[in-house]
Amino acid sequence: MGSSIALKVMADLKKRLPENAEGEFFIDSSCIDCSVCREIAPEVFGDGRETAVVFRQPETKTEFLKAFQALVSCPVSAIGTVSVEVPRDIHRTFPLRIE
């Protein structure tokens, strides 16, 4: 048993928006621009034309954690990763305080 699990809460890599910064995290065309990801991880997610986009890939441990929190919080599963799996214990980081 590994330290992470694959969840069916991720976006479709084939539908990746071209506006995303190159790298591991991405947003696909199913995004409804609800802003949840921007509230949770504003250092990674930003405004696109009519969707959110990954404007900068996470670099620090904290940024990766926030990006994963945004991924599992997305109401339409529009956030995904190319190859990294969601940490098994991500649920322990909730609830989040959003102001």
PDB file of N, CA and C in Angstrom:
ATOM      1  N   MET A   1       0.842  -1.168   0.000  1.00  0.00           N
ATOM      2  CA  MET A   1       0.000   0.000   0.000  1.00  0.00           C
ATOM      3  C   MET A   1       0.893   1.238   0.000  1.00  0.00           C
ATOM      4  N   GLY A   2       0.692   2.145  -0.969  1.00  0.00           N
ATOM      5  CA  GLY A   2       1.510   3.350  -1.117  1.00  0.00           C
ATOM      6  C   GLY A   2       1.036   4.482  -0.234  1.00  0.00           C
ATOM      7  N   SER A   3       1.699   5.610  -0.369  1.00  0.00           N
ATOM      8  CA  SER A   3       1.357   6.762   0.440  1.00  0.00           C
ATOM      9  C   SER A   3       0.359   7.690  -0.243  1.00  0.00           C
ATOM     10  N   SER A   4      -0.132   7.301  -1.403  1.00  0.00           N
ATOM     11  CA  SER A   4      -1.123   8.120  -2.090  1.00  0.00           C
ATOM     12  C   SER A   4      -2.136   7.219  -2.774  1.00  0.00           C
ATOM     13  N   ILE A   5      -3.264   7.805  -3.116  1.00  0.00           N
ATOM     14  CA  ILE A   5      -4.308   7.057  -3.800  1.00  0.00           C
ATOM     15  C   ILE A   5      -4.730   7.828  -5.034  1.00  0.00           C
ATOM     16  N   ALA A   6      -5.208   7.119  -6.022  1.00  0.00           N
ATOM     17  CA  ALA A   6      -5.737   7.767  -7.214  1.00  0.00           C
ATOM     18  C   ALA A   6      -7.239   7.944  -7.009  1.00  0.00           C
ATOM     19  N   LEU A   7      -7.704   9.149  -7.081  1.00  0.00           N
ATOM     20  CA  LEU A   7      -9.117   9.435  -6.929  1.00  0.00           C
ATOM     21  C   LEU A   7      -9.710   9.830  -8.267  1.00  0.00           C
ATOM     22  N   LYS A   8     -10.966   9.520  -8.467  1.00  0.00           N
ATOM     23  CA  LYS A   8     -11.660   9.918  -9.683  1.00  0.00           C
ATOM     24  C   LYS A   8     -12.248  11.304  -9.497  1.00  0.00           C
ATOM     25  N   VAL A   9     -11.393  12.256  -9.170  1.00  0.00           N
ATOM     26  CA  VAL A   9     -11.839  13.629  -8.977  1.00  0.00           C
ATOM     27  C   VAL A   9     -11.011  14.566  -9.842  1.00  0.00           C
ATOM     28  N   MET A  10     -10.404  14.019 -10.868  1.00  0.00           N
ATOM     29  CA  MET A  10      -9.501  14.845 -11.658  1.00  0.00           C
ATOM     30  C   MET A  10     -10.006  15.095 -13.060  1.00  0.00           C
ATOM     31  N   ALA A  11      -9.488  16.175 -13.601  1.00  0.00           N
ATOM     32  CA  ALA A  11      -9.811  16.619 -14.948  1.00  0.00           C
ATOM     33  C   ALA A  11      -9.252  15.662 -15.998  1.00  0.00           C
ATOM     34  N   ASP A  12      -9.701  15.871 -17.216  1.00  0.00           N
ATOM     35  CA  ASP A  12      -9.280  15.074 -18.368  1.00  0.00           C
ATOM     36  C   ASP A  12      -8.111  15.771 -19.061  1.00  0.00           C
ATOM     37  N   LEU A  13      -6.966  15.113 -19.091  1.00  0.00           N
ATOM     38  CA  LEU A  13      -5.768  15.686 -19.703  1.00  0.00           C
ATOM     39  C   LEU A  13      -5.997  16.042 -21.178  1.00  0.00           C
ATOM     40  N   LYS A  14      -6.864  15.284 -21.850  1.00  0.00           N
ATOM     41  CA  LYS A  14      -7.156  15.564 -23.258  1.00  0.00           C
ATOM     42  C   LYS A  14      -7.918  16.881 -23.444  1.00  0.00           C
ATOM     43  N   LYS A  15      -8.542  17.362 -22.365  1.00  0.00           N
ATOM     44  CA  LYS A  15      -9.309  18.608 -22.419  1.00  0.00           C
ATOM     45  C   LYS A  15      -8.574  19.764 -21.731  1.00  0.00           C
ATOM     46  N   ARG A  16      -7.277  19.589 -21.506  1.00  0.00           N
ATOM     47  CA  ARG A  16      -6.453  20.609 -20.844  1.00  0.00           C
ATOM     48  C   ARG A  16      -6.526  21.927 -21.605  1.00  0.00           C
ATOM     49  N   LEU A  17      -6.757  23.010 -20.885  1.00  0.00           N
ATOM     50  CA  LEU A  17      -6.811  24.330 -21.512  1.00  0.00           C
ATOM     51  C   LEU A  17      -5.404  24.794 -21.885  1.00  0.00           C
ATOM     52  N   PRO A  18      -5.235  25.359 -23.074  1.00  0.00           N
ATOM     53  CA  PRO A  18      -3.899  25.796 -23.506  1.00  0.00           C
ATOM     54  C   PRO A  18      -3.363  26.974 -22.695  1.00  0.00           C
ATOM     55  N   GLU A  19      -4.221  27.684 -21.987  1.00  0.00           N
ATOM     56  CA  GLU A  19      -3.796  28.837 -21.189  1.00  0.00           C
ATOM     57  C   GLU A  19      -3.059  28.446 -19.907  1.00  0.00           C
ATOM     58  N   ASN A  20      -3.128  27.171 -19.513  1.00  0.00           N
ATOM     59  CA  ASN A  20      -2.449  26.715 -18.304  1.00  0.00           C
ATOM     60  C   ASN A  20      -0.943  26.841 -18.442  1.00  0.00           C
ATOM     61  N   ALA A  21      -0.286  27.156 -17.332  1.00  0.00           N
ATOM     62  CA  ALA A  21       1.176  27.131 -17.296  1.00  0.00           C
ATOM     63  C   ALA A  21       1.623  25.687 -17.522  1.00  0.00           C
ATOM     64  N   GLU A  22       2.670  25.508 -18.256  1.00  0.00           N
ATOM     65  CA  GLU A  22       3.212  24.178 -18.538  1.00  0.00           C
ATOM     66  C   GLU A  22       3.619  23.511 -17.230  1.00  0.00           C
ATOM     67  N   GLY A  23       3.275  22.246 -17.060  1.00  0.00           N
ATOM     68  CA  GLY A  23       3.680  21.523 -15.865  1.00  0.00           C
ATOM     69  C   GLY A  23       2.640  20.534 -15.380  1.00  0.00           C
ATOM     70  N   GLU A  24       2.774  20.142 -14.145  1.00  0.00           N
ATOM     71  CA  GLU A  24       2.003  19.049 -13.548  1.00  0.00           C
ATOM     72  C   GLU A  24       0.513  19.336 -13.388  1.00  0.00           C
ATOM     73  N   PHE A  25       0.145  20.464 -12.814  1.00  0.00           N
ATOM     74  CA  PHE A  25      -1.267  20.785 -12.575  1.00  0.00           C
ATOM     75  C   PHE A  25      -1.870  21.467 -13.799  1.00  0.00           C
ATOM     76  N   PHE A  26      -3.152  21.198 -14.036  1.00  0.00           N
ATOM     77  CA  PHE A  26      -3.845  21.836 -15.151  1.00  0.00           C
ATOM     78  C   PHE A  26      -5.330  21.929 -14.849  1.00  0.00           C
ATOM     79  N   ILE A  27      -6.010  22.767 -15.598  1.00  0.00           N
ATOM     80  CA  ILE A  27      -7.465  22.873 -15.567  1.00  0.00           C
ATOM     81  C   ILE A  27      -7.971  22.523 -16.956  1.00  0.00           C
ATOM     82  N   ASP A  28      -9.079  21.768 -16.993  1.00  0.00           N
ATOM     83  CA  ASP A  28      -9.624  21.386 -18.294  1.00  0.00           C
ATOM     84  C   ASP A  28     -10.854  22.220 -18.646  1.00  0.00           C
ATOM     85  N   SER A  29     -11.408  21.955 -19.798  1.00  0.00           N
ATOM     86  CA  SER A  29     -12.502  22.759 -20.346  1.00  0.00           C
ATOM     87  C   SER A  29     -13.826  22.603 -19.596  1.00  0.00           C
ATOM     88  N   SER A  30     -13.903  21.713 -18.610  1.00  0.00           N
ATOM     89  CA  SER A  30     -15.136  21.574 -17.840  1.00  0.00           C
ATOM     90  C   SER A  30     -15.256  22.619 -16.724  1.00  0.00           C
ATOM     91  N   CYS A  31     -14.253  23.466 -16.560  1.00  0.00           N
ATOM     92  CA  CYS A  31     -14.243  24.501 -15.519  1.00  0.00           C
ATOM     93  C   CYS A  31     -15.440  25.440 -15.691  1.00  0.00           C
ATOM     94  N   ILE A  32     -16.109  25.732 -14.575  1.00  0.00           N
ATOM     95  CA  ILE A  32     -17.258  26.647 -14.589  1.00  0.00           C
ATOM     96  C   ILE A  32     -16.900  28.013 -13.992  1.00  0.00           C
ATOM     97  N   ASP A  33     -15.633  28.244 -13.737  1.00  0.00           N
ATOM     98  CA  ASP A  33     -15.137  29.531 -13.232  1.00  0.00           C
ATOM     99  C   ASP A  33     -15.790  29.922 -11.908  1.00  0.00           C
ATOM    100  N   CYS A  34     -15.902  28.961 -11.008  1.00  0.00           N
ATOM    101  CA  CYS A  34     -16.553  29.209  -9.716  1.00  0.00           C
ATOM    102  C   CYS A  34     -15.654  29.928  -8.714  1.00  0.00           C
ATOM    103  N   SER A  35     -14.364  29.915  -8.944  1.00  0.00           N
ATOM    104  CA  SER A  35     -13.334  30.588  -8.145  1.00  0.00           C
ATOM    105  C   SER A  35     -12.896  29.843  -6.885  1.00  0.00           C
ATOM    106  N   VAL A  36     -13.375  28.637  -6.663  1.00  0.00           N
ATOM    107  CA  VAL A  36     -12.950  27.872  -5.486  1.00  0.00           C
ATOM    108  C   VAL A  36     -11.436  27.686  -5.493  1.00  0.00           C
ATOM    109  N   CYS A  37     -10.861  27.322  -6.620  1.00  0.00           N
ATOM    110  CA  CYS A  37      -9.411  27.102  -6.680  1.00  0.00           C
ATOM    111  C   CYS A  37      -8.632  28.380  -6.404  1.00  0.00           C
ATOM    112  N   ARG A  38      -9.132  29.506  -6.886  1.00  0.00           N
ATOM    113  CA  ARG A  38      -8.457  30.787  -6.658  1.00  0.00           C
ATOM    114  C   ARG A  38      -8.540  31.205  -5.194  1.00  0.00           C
ATOM    115  N   GLU A  39      -9.619  30.828  -4.523  1.00  0.00           N
ATOM    116  CA  GLU A  39      -9.753  31.117  -3.097  1.00  0.00           C
ATOM    117  C   GLU A  39      -8.789  30.267  -2.272  1.00  0.00           C
ATOM    118  N   ILE A  40      -8.633  29.012  -2.636  1.00  0.00           N
ATOM    119  CA  ILE A  40      -7.786  28.090  -1.874  1.00  0.00           C
ATOM    120  C   ILE A  40      -6.310  28.278  -2.193  1.00  0.00           C
ATOM    121  N   ALA A  41      -5.968  28.439  -3.455  1.00  0.00           N
ATOM    122  CA  ALA A  41      -4.558  28.515  -3.861  1.00  0.00           C
ATOM    123  C   ALA A  41      -4.333  29.637  -4.871  1.00  0.00           C
ATOM    124  N   PRO A  42      -4.451  30.899  -4.431  1.00  0.00           N
ATOM    125  CA  PRO A  42      -4.294  32.015  -5.364  1.00  0.00           C
ATOM    126  C   PRO A  42      -2.875  32.140  -5.941  1.00  0.00           C
ATOM    127  N   GLU A  43      -1.906  31.509  -5.314  1.00  0.00           N
ATOM    128  CA  GLU A  43      -0.547  31.550  -5.829  1.00  0.00           C
ATOM    129  C   GLU A  43      -0.339  30.605  -7.011  1.00  0.00           C
ATOM    130  N   VAL A  44      -1.328  29.740  -7.268  1.00  0.00           N
ATOM    131  CA  VAL A  44      -1.248  28.770  -8.365  1.00  0.00           C
ATOM    132  C   VAL A  44      -2.312  29.028  -9.427  1.00  0.00           C
ATOM    133  N   PHE A  45      -3.538  29.317  -8.998  1.00  0.00           N
ATOM    134  CA  PHE A  45      -4.668  29.450  -9.914  1.00  0.00           C
ATOM    135  C   PHE A  45      -5.049  30.912 -10.113  1.00  0.00           C
ATOM    136  N   GLY A  46      -5.407  31.247 -11.338  1.00  0.00           N
ATOM    137  CA  GLY A  46      -5.794  32.614 -11.655  1.00  0.00           C
ATOM    138  C   GLY A  46      -6.934  32.641 -12.647  1.00  0.00           C
ATOM    139  N   ASP A  47      -7.261  33.851 -13.116  1.00  0.00           N
ATOM    140  CA  ASP A  47      -8.352  34.054 -14.062  1.00  0.00           C
ATOM    141  C   ASP A  47      -7.895  33.780 -15.488  1.00  0.00           C
ATOM    142  N   GLY A  48      -8.716  33.025 -16.191  1.00  0.00           N
ATOM    143  CA  GLY A  48      -8.533  32.856 -17.623  1.00  0.00           C
ATOM    144  C   GLY A  48      -9.571  33.701 -18.328  1.00  0.00           C
ATOM    145  N   ARG A  49      -9.880  33.350 -19.551  1.00  0.00           N
ATOM    146  CA  ARG A  49     -10.905  34.104 -20.283  1.00  0.00           C
ATOM    147  C   ARG A  49     -12.280  33.889 -19.682  1.00  0.00           C
ATOM    148  N   GLU A  50     -12.710  32.636 -19.623  1.00  0.00           N
ATOM    149  CA  GLU A  50     -14.008  32.308 -19.025  1.00  0.00           C
ATOM    150  C   GLU A  50     -13.885  31.149 -18.056  1.00  0.00           C
ATOM    151  N   THR A  51     -12.681  30.841 -17.658  1.00  0.00           N
ATOM    152  CA  THR A  51     -12.399  29.748 -16.734  1.00  0.00           C
ATOM    153  C   THR A  51     -11.245  30.170 -15.833  1.00  0.00           C
ATOM    154  N   ALA A  52     -11.007  29.381 -14.828  1.00  0.00           N
ATOM    155  CA  ALA A  52      -9.768  29.538 -14.064  1.00  0.00           C
ATOM    156  C   ALA A  52      -8.663  28.853 -14.872  1.00  0.00           C
ATOM    157  N   VAL A  53      -7.423  29.191 -14.570  1.00  0.00           N
ATOM    158  CA  VAL A  53      -6.268  28.539 -15.193  1.00  0.00           C
ATOM    159  C   VAL A  53      -5.160  28.395 -14.152  1.00  0.00           C
ATOM    160  N   VAL A  54      -4.249  27.484 -14.425  1.00  0.00           N
ATOM    161  CA  VAL A  54      -3.029  27.405 -13.629  1.00  0.00           C
ATOM    162  C   VAL A  54      -2.090  28.438 -14.233  1.00  0.00           C
ATOM    163  N   PHE A  55      -1.850  29.527 -13.496  1.00  0.00           N
ATOM    164  CA  PHE A  55      -0.976  30.556 -14.055  1.00  0.00           C
ATOM    165  C   PHE A  55       0.469  30.353 -13.626  1.00  0.00           C
ATOM    166  N   ARG A  56       0.667  29.574 -12.552  1.00  0.00           N
ATOM    167  CA  ARG A  56       2.014  29.248 -12.096  1.00  0.00           C
ATOM    168  C   ARG A  56       1.962  27.905 -11.397  1.00  0.00           C
ATOM    169  N   GLN A  57       2.871  27.021 -11.746  1.00  0.00           N
ATOM    170  CA  GLN A  57       2.921  25.709 -11.109  1.00  0.00           C
ATOM    171  C   GLN A  57       3.407  25.846  -9.664  1.00  0.00           C
ATOM    172  N   PRO A  58       2.864  25.012  -8.761  1.00  0.00           N
ATOM    173  CA  PRO A  58       3.326  25.074  -7.373  1.00  0.00           C
ATOM    174  C   PRO A  58       4.804  24.701  -7.276  1.00  0.00           C
ATOM    175  N   GLU A  59       5.501  25.351  -6.345  1.00  0.00           N
ATOM    176  CA  GLU A  59       6.925  25.095  -6.159  1.00  0.00           C
ATOM    177  C   GLU A  59       7.259  24.612  -4.756  1.00  0.00           C
ATOM    178  N   THR A  60       6.557  25.133  -3.769  1.00  0.00           N
ATOM    179  CA  THR A  60       6.861  24.760  -2.390  1.00  0.00           C
ATOM    180  C   THR A  60       5.904  23.675  -1.915  1.00  0.00           C
ATOM    181  N   LYS A  61       6.246  23.072  -0.793  1.00  0.00           N
ATOM    182  CA  LYS A  61       5.390  22.045  -0.199  1.00  0.00           C
ATOM    183  C   LYS A  61       4.005  22.619   0.119  1.00  0.00           C
ATOM    184  N   THR A  62       3.972  23.839   0.634  1.00  0.00           N
ATOM    185  CA  THR A  62       2.701  24.495   0.955  1.00  0.00           C
ATOM    186  C   THR A  62       1.876  24.754  -0.297  1.00  0.00           C
ATOM    187  N   GLU A  63       2.518  25.200  -1.366  1.00  0.00           N
ATOM    188  CA  GLU A  63       1.794  25.439  -2.624  1.00  0.00           C
ATOM    189  C   GLU A  63       1.245  24.147  -3.199  1.00  0.00           C
ATOM    190  N   PHE A  64       2.007  23.058  -3.111  1.00  0.00           N
ATOM    191  CA  PHE A  64       1.501  21.760  -3.582  1.00  0.00           C
ATOM    192  C   PHE A  64       0.292  21.334  -2.744  1.00  0.00           C
ATOM    193  N   LEU A  65       0.374  21.500  -1.430  1.00  0.00           N
ATOM    194  CA  LEU A  65      -0.746  21.145  -0.561  1.00  0.00           C
ATOM    195  C   LEU A  65      -1.991  21.930  -0.949  1.00  0.00           C
ATOM    196  N   LYS A  66      -1.852  23.239  -1.113  1.00  0.00           N
ATOM    197  CA  LYS A  66      -2.998  24.073  -1.481  1.00  0.00           C
ATOM    198  C   LYS A  66      -3.545  23.693  -2.856  1.00  0.00           C
ATOM    199  N   ALA A  67      -2.676  23.374  -3.798  1.00  0.00           N
ATOM    200  CA  ALA A  67      -3.129  22.958  -5.133  1.00  0.00           C
ATOM    201  C   ALA A  67      -3.922  21.655  -5.049  1.00  0.00           C
ATOM    202  N   PHE A  68      -3.466  20.713  -4.216  1.00  0.00           N
ATOM    203  CA  PHE A  68      -4.219  19.468  -4.032  1.00  0.00           C
ATOM    204  C   PHE A  68      -5.539  19.718  -3.312  1.00  0.00           C
ATOM    205  N   GLN A  69      -5.555  20.627  -2.358  1.00  0.00           N
ATOM    206  CA  GLN A  69      -6.814  20.972  -1.685  1.00  0.00           C
ATOM    207  C   GLN A  69      -7.803  21.557  -2.693  1.00  0.00           C
ATOM    208  N   ALA A  70      -7.312  22.400  -3.582  1.00  0.00           N
ATOM    209  CA  ALA A  70      -8.174  22.966  -4.628  1.00  0.00           C
ATOM    210  C   ALA A  70      -8.675  21.866  -5.560  1.00  0.00           C
ATOM    211  N   LEU A  71      -7.802  20.947  -5.909  1.00  0.00           N
ATOM    212  CA  LEU A  71      -8.175  19.853  -6.810  1.00  0.00           C
ATOM    213  C   LEU A  71      -9.345  19.058  -6.243  1.00  0.00           C
ATOM    214  N   VAL A  72      -9.253  18.646  -4.985  1.00  0.00           N
ATOM    215  CA  VAL A  72     -10.334  17.829  -4.418  1.00  0.00           C
ATOM    216  C   VAL A  72     -11.570  18.656  -4.075  1.00  0.00           C
ATOM    217  N   SER A  73     -11.435  19.974  -4.023  1.00  0.00           N
ATOM    218  CA  SER A  73     -12.573  20.844  -3.724  1.00  0.00           C
ATOM    219  C   SER A  73     -13.330  21.302  -4.961  1.00  0.00           C
ATOM    220  N   CYS A  74     -12.755  21.129  -6.126  1.00  0.00           N
ATOM    221  CA  CYS A  74     -13.388  21.591  -7.356  1.00  0.00           C
ATOM    222  C   CYS A  74     -14.737  20.887  -7.548  1.00  0.00           C
ATOM    223  N   PRO A  75     -15.834  21.649  -7.655  1.00  0.00           N
ATOM    224  CA  PRO A  75     -17.158  21.026  -7.752  1.00  0.00           C
ATOM    225  C   PRO A  75     -17.416  20.272  -9.059  1.00  0.00           C
ATOM    226  N   VAL A  76     -16.607  20.525 -10.094  1.00  0.00           N
ATOM    227  CA  VAL A  76     -16.823  19.840 -11.373  1.00  0.00           C
ATOM    228  C   VAL A  76     -15.605  19.010 -11.797  1.00  0.00           C
ATOM    229  N   SER A  77     -14.664  18.813 -10.893  1.00  0.00           N
ATOM    230  CA  SER A  77     -13.465  18.007 -11.162  1.00  0.00           C
ATOM    231  C   SER A  77     -12.699  18.500 -12.382  1.00  0.00           C
ATOM    232  N   ALA A  78     -12.539  19.823 -12.481  1.00  0.00           N
ATOM    233  CA  ALA A  78     -11.860  20.422 -13.630  1.00  0.00           C
ATOM    234  C   ALA A  78     -10.360  20.570 -13.427  1.00  0.00           C
ATOM    235  N   ILE A  79      -9.847  20.271 -12.234  1.00  0.00           N
ATOM    236  CA  ILE A  79      -8.416  20.373 -11.952  1.00  0.00           C
ATOM    237  C   ILE A  79      -7.814  18.976 -11.974  1.00  0.00           C
ATOM    238  N   GLY A  80      -6.656  18.873 -12.605  1.00  0.00           N
ATOM    239  CA  GLY A  80      -6.000  17.579 -12.670  1.00  0.00           C
ATOM    240  C   GLY A  80      -4.500  17.701 -12.591  1.00  0.00           C
ATOM    241  N   THR A  81      -3.857  16.547 -12.537  1.00  0.00           N
ATOM    242  CA  THR A  81      -2.402  16.476 -12.588  1.00  0.00           C
ATOM    243  C   THR A  81      -2.012  15.518 -13.700  1.00  0.00           C
ATOM    244  N   VAL A  82      -0.835  15.720 -14.220  1.00  0.00           N
ATOM    245  CA  VAL A  82      -0.346  14.869 -15.304  1.00  0.00           C
ATOM    246  C   VAL A  82       0.009  13.487 -14.773  1.00  0.00           C
ATOM    247  N   SER A  83       0.760  13.434 -13.665  1.00  0.00           N
ATOM    248  CA  SER A  83       1.211  12.131 -13.177  1.00  0.00           C
ATOM    249  C   SER A  83       1.218  11.968 -11.665  1.00  0.00           C
ATOM    250  N   VAL A  84       1.116  13.048 -10.916  1.00  0.00           N
ATOM    251  CA  VAL A  84       1.173  12.972  -9.454  1.00  0.00           C
ATOM    252  C   VAL A  84      -0.208  12.628  -8.914  1.00  0.00           C
ATOM    253  N   GLU A  85      -0.257  11.693  -7.977  1.00  0.00           N
ATOM    254  CA  GLU A  85      -1.523  11.301  -7.378  1.00  0.00           C
ATOM    255  C   GLU A  85      -1.833  12.160  -6.158  1.00  0.00           C
ATOM    256  N   VAL A  86      -3.103  12.276  -5.861  1.00  0.00           N
ATOM    257  CA  VAL A  86      -3.560  13.029  -4.699  1.00  0.00           C
ATOM    258  C   VAL A  86      -3.044  12.325  -3.438  1.00  0.00           C
ATOM    259  N   PRO A  87      -2.445  13.081  -2.507  1.00  0.00           N
ATOM    260  CA  PRO A  87      -1.967  12.460  -1.269  1.00  0.00           C
ATOM    261  C   PRO A  87      -3.102  11.753  -0.525  1.00  0.00           C
ATOM    262  N   ARG A  88      -2.812  10.583  -0.011  1.00  0.00           N
ATOM    263  CA  ARG A  88      -3.811   9.766   0.685  1.00  0.00           C
ATOM    264  C   ARG A  88      -4.453  10.509   1.854  1.00  0.00           C
ATOM    265  N   ASP A  89      -3.692  11.315   2.553  1.00  0.00           N
ATOM    266  CA  ASP A  89      -4.203  11.966   3.755  1.00  0.00           C
ATOM    267  C   ASP A  89      -4.669  13.402   3.531  1.00  0.00           C
ATOM    268  N   ILE A  90      -4.971  13.771   2.301  1.00  0.00           N
ATOM    269  CA  ILE A  90      -5.397  15.144   2.005  1.00  0.00           C
ATOM    270  C   ILE A  90      -6.647  15.524   2.801  1.00  0.00           C
ATOM    271  N   HIS A  91      -7.515  14.566   3.073  1.00  0.00           N
ATOM    272  CA  HIS A  91      -8.748  14.846   3.821  1.00  0.00           C
ATOM    273  C   HIS A  91      -8.469  15.378   5.227  1.00  0.00           C
ATOM    274  N   ARG A  92      -7.303  15.083   5.762  1.00  0.00           N
ATOM    275  CA  ARG A  92      -6.954  15.546   7.118  1.00  0.00           C
ATOM    276  C   ARG A  92      -6.661  17.047   7.152  1.00  0.00           C
ATOM    277  N   THR A  93      -6.492  17.663   5.989  1.00  0.00           N
ATOM    278  CA  THR A  93      -6.190  19.095   5.934  1.00  0.00           C
ATOM    279  C   THR A  93      -7.454  19.957   5.890  1.00  0.00           C
ATOM    280  N   PHE A  94      -8.621  19.306   5.912  1.00  0.00           N
ATOM    281  CA  PHE A  94      -9.898  20.001   5.890  1.00  0.00           C
ATOM    282  C   PHE A  94     -10.526  19.974   7.270  1.00  0.00           C
ATOM    283  N   PRO A  95     -11.389  20.904   7.623  1.00  0.00           N
ATOM    284  CA  PRO A  95     -11.928  21.982   6.809  1.00  0.00           C
ATOM    285  C   PRO A  95     -10.930  23.131   6.639  1.00  0.00           C
ATOM    286  N   LEU A  96     -11.142  23.909   5.611  1.00  0.00           N
ATOM    287  CA  LEU A  96     -10.315  25.078   5.338  1.00  0.00           C
ATOM    288  C   LEU A  96     -11.066  26.341   5.725  1.00  0.00           C
ATOM    289  N   ARG A  97     -10.323  27.315   6.189  1.00  0.00           N
ATOM    290  CA  ARG A  97     -10.931  28.623   6.464  1.00  0.00           C
ATOM    291  C   ARG A  97     -10.749  29.479   5.220  1.00  0.00           C
ATOM    292  N   ILE A  98     -11.848  29.919   4.650  1.00  0.00           N
ATOM    293  CA  ILE A  98     -11.828  30.759   3.461  1.00  0.00           C
ATOM    294  C   ILE A  98     -12.480  32.094   3.841  1.00  0.00           C
ATOM    295  N   GLU A  99     -11.772  33.163   3.603  1.00  0.00           N
ATOM    296  CA  GLU A  99     -12.318  34.470   3.956  1.00  0.00           C
ATOM    297  C   GLU A  99     -12.792  35.231   2.747  1.00  0.00           C
TER     298      GLU A  99
END
